[in-house]
Amino acid sequence: MKYLLIVSHGTMAPGVKSVLEMLLGKRDNVLAYSMEDGVSADDFVANLKKVIEPVTPDDEVVVLGDIIGGSPLTNTLNTLTEKGLLPHTIAFGGVNLPMAISALMAIEDGLDDDALRAQVLGESAAAIKEVELAIADEDEEDL
């Protein structure tokens, strides 16, 4: 099985998972865990191990983390290494909702790793744009 694992600081990861479930339905292969305020790295890892218990060495994992180099993503990759899963793992930082949707759809479509990477990076980057606001000039409102 190919899993989508979302990790973050705060409550972002469970929030993204919740929105995925709202939009696409509950999936057994979507896992999420976050490092909430006051949780030590050791406690995060201990609880993460419980979250990823269903993942076996025969499985693959797509990890979406909030910050590259941040404790949640770094500790997740170290934990996956200990479990022998790093060779079967693709990891991304800077998670956003379009990235998560794209990753889940790529997994479900059975895309190979290169196509999955291209789709996830393309969709997530394309989603980051400034919203241009059209604000009427006060003089134009009187016309």
C-alpha atoms as a PDB file:
ATOM      1  CA  MET A   1       0.000   0.000   0.000  1.00  0.00           C
ATOM      2  CA  LYS A   2       1.127   3.562  -0.566  1.00  0.00           C
ATOM      3  CA  TYR A   3       0.456   5.865   2.382  1.00  0.00           C
ATOM      4  CA  LEU A   4       0.147   9.636   2.561  1.00  0.00           C
ATOM      5  CA  LEU A   5       1.636  10.859   5.850  1.00  0.00           C
ATOM      6  CA  ILE A   6       1.154  14.516   6.790  1.00  0.00           C
ATOM      7  CA  VAL A   7       3.256  15.961   9.631  1.00  0.00           C
ATOM      8  CA  SER A   8       3.448  19.468  11.032  1.00  0.00           C
ATOM      9  CA  HIS A   9       3.827  21.801  13.944  1.00  0.00           C
ATOM     10  CA  GLY A  10       0.654  22.792  15.786  1.00  0.00           C
ATOM     11  CA  THR A  11      -2.522  21.204  14.460  1.00  0.00           C
ATOM     12  CA  MET A  12      -1.960  21.762  10.751  1.00  0.00           C
ATOM     13  CA  ALA A  13      -1.470  18.088   9.783  1.00  0.00           C
ATOM     14  CA  PRO A  14      -4.712  16.821  11.343  1.00  0.00           C
ATOM     15  CA  GLY A  15      -6.465  19.864   9.877  1.00  0.00           C
ATOM     16  CA  VAL A  16      -5.265  19.070   6.353  1.00  0.00           C
ATOM     17  CA  LYS A  17      -6.309  15.444   6.844  1.00  0.00           C
ATOM     18  CA  SER A  18      -9.732  16.601   8.018  1.00  0.00           C
ATOM     19  CA  VAL A  19     -10.210  18.739   4.907  1.00  0.00           C
ATOM     20  CA  LEU A  20      -9.072  15.868   2.662  1.00  0.00           C
ATOM     21  CA  GLU A  21     -11.725  13.678   4.291  1.00  0.00           C
ATOM     22  CA  MET A  22     -14.330  16.396   3.842  1.00  0.00           C
ATOM     23  CA  LEU A  23     -13.522  16.837   0.152  1.00  0.00           C
ATOM     24  CA  LEU A  24     -12.497  13.311  -0.910  1.00  0.00           C
ATOM     25  CA  GLY A  25     -13.830  10.996   1.777  1.00  0.00           C
ATOM     26  CA  LYS A  26     -12.080   9.025   4.495  1.00  0.00           C
ATOM     27  CA  ARG A  27      -9.078   7.004   3.350  1.00  0.00           C
ATOM     28  CA  ASP A  28      -7.268   4.325   5.360  1.00  0.00           C
ATOM     29  CA  ASN A  29      -3.977   5.241   3.706  1.00  0.00           C
ATOM     30  CA  VAL A  30      -3.959   8.866   4.921  1.00  0.00           C
ATOM     31  CA  LEU A  31      -2.166   9.386   8.226  1.00  0.00           C
ATOM     32  CA  ALA A  32      -1.448  12.617  10.065  1.00  0.00           C
ATOM     33  CA  TYR A  33       0.375  13.651  13.187  1.00  0.00           C
ATOM     34  CA  SER A  34       1.527  16.973  14.547  1.00  0.00           C
ATOM     35  CA  MET A  35       3.950  18.290  17.117  1.00  0.00           C
ATOM     36  CA  GLU A  36       1.747  20.416  19.294  1.00  0.00           C
ATOM     37  CA  ASP A  37       3.083  23.118  21.589  1.00  0.00           C
ATOM     38  CA  GLY A  38       4.958  21.699  24.564  1.00  0.00           C
ATOM     39  CA  VAL A  39       5.463  18.221  23.071  1.00  0.00           C
ATOM     40  CA  SER A  40       9.068  17.051  23.173  1.00  0.00           C
ATOM     41  CA  ALA A  41      10.771  15.479  20.179  1.00  0.00           C
ATOM     42  CA  ASP A  42      10.898  12.157  22.061  1.00  0.00           C
ATOM     43  CA  ASP A  43       7.151  12.238  22.731  1.00  0.00           C
ATOM     44  CA  PHE A  44       6.479  13.198  19.124  1.00  0.00           C
ATOM     45  CA  VAL A  45       8.492  10.214  17.887  1.00  0.00           C
ATOM     46  CA  ALA A  46       6.846   7.810  20.355  1.00  0.00           C
ATOM     47  CA  ASN A  47       3.373   8.878  19.242  1.00  0.00           C
ATOM     48  CA  LEU A  48       4.355   8.979  15.559  1.00  0.00           C
ATOM     49  CA  LYS A  49       5.460   5.350  15.828  1.00  0.00           C
ATOM     50  CA  LYS A  50       1.908   4.477  16.911  1.00  0.00           C
ATOM     51  CA  VAL A  51       0.440   6.442  13.996  1.00  0.00           C
ATOM     52  CA  ILE A  52       2.625   4.665  11.428  1.00  0.00           C
ATOM     53  CA  GLU A  53       2.185   1.200  12.985  1.00  0.00           C
ATOM     54  CA  PRO A  54       0.109  -0.052  10.012  1.00  0.00           C
ATOM     55  CA  VAL A  55       2.940   0.781   7.581  1.00  0.00           C
ATOM     56  CA  THR A  56       5.055  -2.275   6.750  1.00  0.00           C
ATOM     57  CA  PRO A  57       8.465  -2.547   5.041  1.00  0.00           C
ATOM     58  CA  ASP A  58       6.623  -3.563   1.852  1.00  0.00           C
ATOM     59  CA  ASP A  59       4.659  -0.295   1.802  1.00  0.00           C
ATOM     60  CA  GLU A  60       5.544   3.091   0.346  1.00  0.00           C
ATOM     61  CA  VAL A  61       5.130   6.470   2.023  1.00  0.00           C
ATOM     62  CA  VAL A  62       4.617   9.956   0.640  1.00  0.00           C
ATOM     63  CA  VAL A  63       5.414  12.421   3.426  1.00  0.00           C
ATOM     64  CA  LEU A  64       4.144  15.997   3.405  1.00  0.00           C
ATOM     65  CA  GLY A  65       5.752  18.189   6.056  1.00  0.00           C
ATOM     66  CA  ASP A  66       5.126  21.794   6.910  1.00  0.00           C
ATOM     67  CA  ILE A  67       8.745  23.002   7.049  1.00  0.00           C
ATOM     68  CA  ILE A  68      11.849  21.442   5.514  1.00  0.00           C
ATOM     69  CA  GLY A  69      14.344  21.027   8.347  1.00  0.00           C
ATOM     70  CA  GLY A  70      11.644  21.381  11.005  1.00  0.00           C
ATOM     71  CA  SER A  71      11.401  18.916  13.877  1.00  0.00           C
ATOM     72  CA  PRO A  72       8.241  17.137  12.675  1.00  0.00           C
ATOM     73  CA  LEU A  73       9.601  16.371   9.211  1.00  0.00           C
ATOM     74  CA  THR A  74      13.137  15.596  10.403  1.00  0.00           C
ATOM     75  CA  ASN A  75      11.947  13.279  13.177  1.00  0.00           C
ATOM     76  CA  THR A  76       9.485  11.608  10.801  1.00  0.00           C
ATOM     77  CA  LEU A  77      12.217  10.852   8.276  1.00  0.00           C
ATOM     78  CA  ASN A  78      14.477   9.522  11.047  1.00  0.00           C
ATOM     79  CA  THR A  79      11.640   7.304  12.303  1.00  0.00           C
ATOM     80  CA  LEU A  80      10.932   6.003   8.799  1.00  0.00           C
ATOM     81  CA  THR A  81      14.669   5.290   8.436  1.00  0.00           C
ATOM     82  CA  GLU A  82      14.634   3.244  11.651  1.00  0.00           C
ATOM     83  CA  LYS A  83      11.662   1.289  10.300  1.00  0.00           C
ATOM     84  CA  GLY A  84      13.543   0.592   7.034  1.00  0.00           C
ATOM     85  CA  LEU A  85      11.130   2.669   4.969  1.00  0.00           C
ATOM     86  CA  LEU A  86      13.326   5.515   3.749  1.00  0.00           C
ATOM     87  CA  PRO A  87      14.112   3.793   0.411  1.00  0.00           C
ATOM     88  CA  HIS A  88      10.336   3.615  -0.151  1.00  0.00           C
ATOM     89  CA  THR A  89       9.664   7.213   0.864  1.00  0.00           C
ATOM     90  CA  ILE A  90       9.169  10.447  -1.053  1.00  0.00           C
ATOM     91  CA  ALA A  91       9.138  13.595   1.096  1.00  0.00           C
ATOM     92  CA  PHE A  92       8.006  17.158   0.438  1.00  0.00           C
ATOM     93  CA  GLY A  93       8.099  20.299   2.556  1.00  0.00           C
ATOM     94  CA  GLY A  94       5.803  23.294   2.466  1.00  0.00           C
ATOM     95  CA  VAL A  95       2.544  21.346   2.612  1.00  0.00           C
ATOM     96  CA  ASN A  96      -0.573  23.099   1.381  1.00  0.00           C
ATOM     97  CA  LEU A  97      -4.024  21.757   0.617  1.00  0.00           C
ATOM     98  CA  PRO A  98      -3.562  21.568  -3.184  1.00  0.00           C
ATOM     99  CA  MET A  99      -0.326  19.622  -2.560  1.00  0.00           C
ATOM    100  CA  ALA A 100      -2.148  17.167  -0.293  1.00  0.00           C
ATOM    101  CA  ILE A 101      -5.022  16.705  -2.749  1.00  0.00           C
ATOM    102  CA  SER A 102      -2.575  16.232  -5.609  1.00  0.00           C
ATOM    103  CA  ALA A 103      -0.495  13.707  -3.650  1.00  0.00           C
ATOM    104  CA  LEU A 104      -3.547  11.672  -2.683  1.00  0.00           C
ATOM    105  CA  MET A 105      -4.897  11.682  -6.235  1.00  0.00           C
ATOM    106  CA  ALA A 106      -1.480  10.678  -7.616  1.00  0.00           C
ATOM    107  CA  ILE A 107      -1.343   7.783  -5.142  1.00  0.00           C
ATOM    108  CA  GLU A 108      -4.847   6.671  -6.061  1.00  0.00           C
ATOM    109  CA  ASP A 109      -4.098   6.966  -9.774  1.00  0.00           C
ATOM    110  CA  GLY A 110      -1.053   4.722  -9.293  1.00  0.00           C
ATOM    111  CA  LEU A 111       1.405   7.236 -10.750  1.00  0.00           C
ATOM    112  CA  ASP A 112       5.041   6.203 -10.690  1.00  0.00           C
ATOM    113  CA  ASP A 113       7.364   8.131  -8.379  1.00  0.00           C
ATOM    114  CA  ASP A 114       8.614  10.583 -11.019  1.00  0.00           C
ATOM    115  CA  ALA A 115       5.094  11.420 -12.209  1.00  0.00           C
ATOM    116  CA  LEU A 116       3.937  11.756  -8.595  1.00  0.00           C
ATOM    117  CA  ARG A 117       6.772  14.175  -7.833  1.00  0.00           C
ATOM    118  CA  ALA A 118       6.014  16.270 -10.908  1.00  0.00           C
ATOM    119  CA  GLN A 119       2.290  16.388 -10.191  1.00  0.00           C
ATOM    120  CA  VAL A 120       2.674  17.262  -6.508  1.00  0.00           C
ATOM    121  CA  LEU A 121       5.286  19.960  -7.079  1.00  0.00           C
ATOM    122  CA  GLY A 122       3.437  21.412 -10.056  1.00  0.00           C
ATOM    123  CA  GLU A 123       0.045  21.578  -8.361  1.00  0.00           C
ATOM    124  CA  SER A 124       1.348  22.970  -5.095  1.00  0.00           C
ATOM    125  CA  ALA A 125       3.432  25.666  -6.779  1.00  0.00           C
ATOM    126  CA  ALA A 126       0.599  26.630  -9.128  1.00  0.00           C
ATOM    127  CA  ALA A 127      -1.696  27.139  -6.136  1.00  0.00           C
ATOM    128  CA  ILE A 128       0.486  29.857  -4.650  1.00  0.00           C
ATOM    129  CA  LYS A 129      -0.608  33.157  -6.093  1.00  0.00           C
ATOM    130  CA  GLU A 130      -1.546  36.567  -4.904  1.00  0.00           C
ATOM    131  CA  VAL A 131      -5.262  37.231  -5.102  1.00  0.00           C
ATOM    132  CA  GLU A 132      -5.689  40.446  -7.041  1.00  0.00           C
ATOM    133  CA  LEU A 133      -8.314  42.581  -5.397  1.00  0.00           C
ATOM    134  CA  ALA A 134     -10.358  44.942  -7.547  1.00  0.00           C
ATOM    135  CA  ILE A 135     -11.183  47.839  -5.287  1.00  0.00           C
ATOM    136  CA  ALA A 136     -13.306  50.572  -6.780  1.00  0.00           C
ATOM    137  CA  ASP A 137     -11.972  54.101  -6.593  1.00  0.00           C
ATOM    138  CA  GLU A 138     -14.162  56.358  -4.416  1.00  0.00           C
ATOM    139  CA  ASP A 139     -14.704  58.669  -7.406  1.00  0.00           C
ATOM    140  CA  GLU A 140     -15.894  55.748  -9.562  1.00  0.00           C
ATOM    141  CA  GLU A 141     -18.522  54.753  -6.995  1.00  0.00           C
ATOM    142  CA  ASP A 142     -20.322  58.084  -7.395  1.00  0.00           C
ATOM    143  CA  LEU A 143     -20.795  57.634 -11.143  1.00  0.00           C
END
